[in-house]
């Protein structure tokens, strides 16, 4: 029997302003009610959720207002874009694993310098698998 609150043919779009909690609270857990249920885009690889990008820190490849689609993974791919679920909130960056940290890199490194996030403060890694942009 299909769950009427979470149909099997939809995926959650996370709210523009994420309140406290971890990303999994929104797409799998107690805060799912705060998400919009959107039809699955079958042209994309399998994904867990989508959200709108709120900043321009990843321009020109990703722009404010783009809808990004993410899949939780344990496989880190250096130089690819991931959403990190951290103790300080979500961080969307190109990542480079280092010894005990993850180096987070923006496309515009002059304006937005690299920073490190200790691995023990990352609760989940989400690979960007799709993007929708209104032209």
Protein backbone atom coordinates (compact mmCIF):
# COMPACT_ATOMS: atom_id res chain seq x y z
CA UNK A 1 0.00 0.00 0.00
CA UNK A 2 1.39 3.41 -1.01
CA UNK A 3 2.07 6.01 1.70
CA UNK A 4 -0.10 9.00 0.73
CA UNK A 5 2.26 11.49 2.42
CA UNK A 6 5.33 10.15 0.56
CA UNK A 7 4.26 8.67 -2.80
CA UNK A 8 6.73 6.31 -4.45
CA UNK A 9 6.76 8.39 -7.66
CA UNK A 10 8.05 11.56 -5.94
CA UNK A 11 11.20 12.77 -4.22
CA UNK A 12 11.46 15.56 -1.66
CA UNK A 13 12.61 19.07 -2.50
CA UNK A 14 14.19 20.40 0.67
CA UNK A 15 13.01 23.76 1.99
CA UNK A 16 14.93 26.88 0.94
CA UNK A 17 15.83 27.56 4.56
CA UNK A 18 16.96 24.45 6.35
CA UNK A 19 16.35 24.66 10.07
CA UNK A 20 18.37 22.67 12.57
CA UNK A 21 18.96 18.98 12.05
CA UNK A 22 20.73 16.91 9.45
CA UNK A 23 19.87 16.46 5.79
CA UNK A 24 18.57 12.94 6.40
CA UNK A 25 16.03 14.43 8.84
CA UNK A 26 14.46 16.13 5.80
CA UNK A 27 14.46 13.45 3.12
CA UNK A 28 14.05 10.36 5.31
CA UNK A 29 13.02 11.47 8.76
CA UNK A 30 10.97 13.65 11.02
CA UNK A 31 11.26 16.87 8.98
CA UNK A 32 10.08 15.35 5.69
CA UNK A 33 6.74 17.12 6.15
CA UNK A 34 8.61 20.41 5.51
CA UNK A 35 9.58 19.30 1.99
CA UNK A 36 7.65 19.59 -1.25
CA UNK A 37 7.04 16.26 -2.96
CA UNK A 38 8.09 16.59 -6.61
CA UNK A 39 7.69 14.03 -9.42
CA UNK A 40 10.82 11.98 -10.04
CA UNK A 41 12.87 13.13 -13.04
CA UNK A 42 13.61 9.82 -14.72
CA UNK A 43 16.29 11.27 -17.03
CA UNK A 44 18.57 11.79 -14.00
CA UNK A 45 20.45 9.01 -12.23
CA UNK A 46 18.79 7.82 -9.03
CA UNK A 47 18.69 10.59 -6.41
CA UNK A 48 17.45 11.09 -2.86
CA UNK A 49 16.35 14.76 -2.86
CA UNK A 50 16.74 18.13 -4.51
CA UNK A 51 17.21 21.68 -3.28
CA UNK A 52 17.63 25.17 -4.68
CA UNK A 53 21.10 26.68 -4.56
CA UNK A 54 20.99 29.86 -2.48
CA UNK A 55 24.45 31.31 -3.20
CA UNK A 56 26.69 32.09 -6.14
CA UNK A 57 29.84 30.64 -4.55
CA UNK A 58 29.99 27.87 -7.16
CA UNK A 59 29.49 30.06 -10.25
CA UNK A 60 29.77 29.86 -13.14
CA UNK A 61 29.09 26.10 -13.14
CA UNK A 62 26.30 26.30 -10.56
CA UNK A 63 24.23 29.43 -10.13
CA UNK A 64 21.93 30.85 -7.49
CA UNK A 65 18.45 29.48 -8.21
CA UNK A 66 19.61 26.22 -9.83
CA UNK A 67 17.81 23.15 -8.55
CA UNK A 68 20.39 20.51 -7.67
CA UNK A 69 19.75 16.78 -7.23
CA UNK A 70 21.74 14.69 -4.75
CA UNK A 71 22.42 11.04 -3.94
CA UNK A 72 23.90 9.95 -0.61
CA UNK A 73 27.15 8.07 -1.04
CA UNK A 74 30.15 6.79 0.90
CA UNK A 75 32.42 6.99 -2.16
CA UNK A 76 34.26 10.30 -2.34
CA UNK A 77 35.45 11.41 -5.76
CA UNK A 78 38.14 14.12 -5.53
CA UNK A 79 37.32 17.18 -7.63
CA UNK A 80 33.60 16.41 -7.92
CA UNK A 81 30.83 18.48 -6.36
CA UNK A 82 29.29 17.21 -3.15
CA UNK A 83 26.93 18.54 -0.54
CA UNK A 84 28.42 17.88 2.89
CA UNK A 85 26.11 17.58 5.87
CA UNK A 86 28.26 19.19 8.57
CA UNK A 87 27.97 20.36 12.14
CA UNK A 88 27.82 23.92 10.75
CA UNK A 89 25.14 23.14 8.18
CA UNK A 90 25.26 21.98 4.56
CA UNK A 91 28.26 22.93 2.40
CA UNK A 92 28.15 22.55 -1.40
CA UNK A 93 31.69 22.45 -2.84
CA UNK A 94 34.20 20.57 -4.94
CA UNK A 95 35.85 18.25 -2.45
CA UNK A 96 39.35 16.90 -2.00
CA UNK A 97 39.79 14.33 0.79
CA UNK A 98 42.86 14.91 2.94
CA UNK A 99 44.19 13.02 5.93
CA UNK A 100 41.65 13.92 8.64
CA UNK A 101 39.71 16.58 6.72
CA UNK A 102 37.86 17.41 3.55
CA UNK A 103 39.17 20.39 1.56
CA UNK A 104 36.22 22.38 0.22
CA UNK A 105 36.86 24.40 -2.95
CA UNK A 106 34.72 26.97 -4.80
CA UNK A 107 35.05 27.63 -8.52
CA UNK A 108 35.77 31.27 -7.70
CA UNK A 109 38.72 30.71 -5.36
CA UNK A 110 39.80 34.35 -5.34
CA UNK A 111 36.55 35.50 -3.78
CA UNK A 112 35.80 32.35 -1.78
CA UNK A 113 38.96 30.72 -0.37
CA UNK A 114 39.31 27.00 0.30
CA UNK A 115 38.55 25.70 3.77
CA UNK A 116 38.85 22.41 5.63
CA UNK A 117 36.09 20.48 7.38
CA UNK A 118 37.24 17.82 9.85
CA UNK A 119 35.94 14.40 8.77
CA UNK A 120 34.48 13.76 12.23
CA UNK A 121 32.17 16.79 11.71
CA UNK A 122 30.74 15.47 8.42
CA UNK A 123 27.54 13.47 8.93
CA UNK A 124 26.94 12.60 5.29
CA UNK A 125 28.23 13.03 1.74
CA UNK A 126 25.81 13.72 -1.12
CA UNK A 127 27.00 13.70 -4.72
CA UNK A 128 25.40 16.15 -7.14
CA UNK A 129 23.87 13.98 -9.89
CA UNK A 130 21.69 16.50 -11.71
CA UNK A 131 20.90 20.16 -12.24
CA UNK A 132 17.87 22.08 -13.50
CA UNK A 133 18.33 25.68 -14.58
CA UNK A 134 15.73 28.12 -15.81
CA UNK A 135 17.24 30.14 -18.65
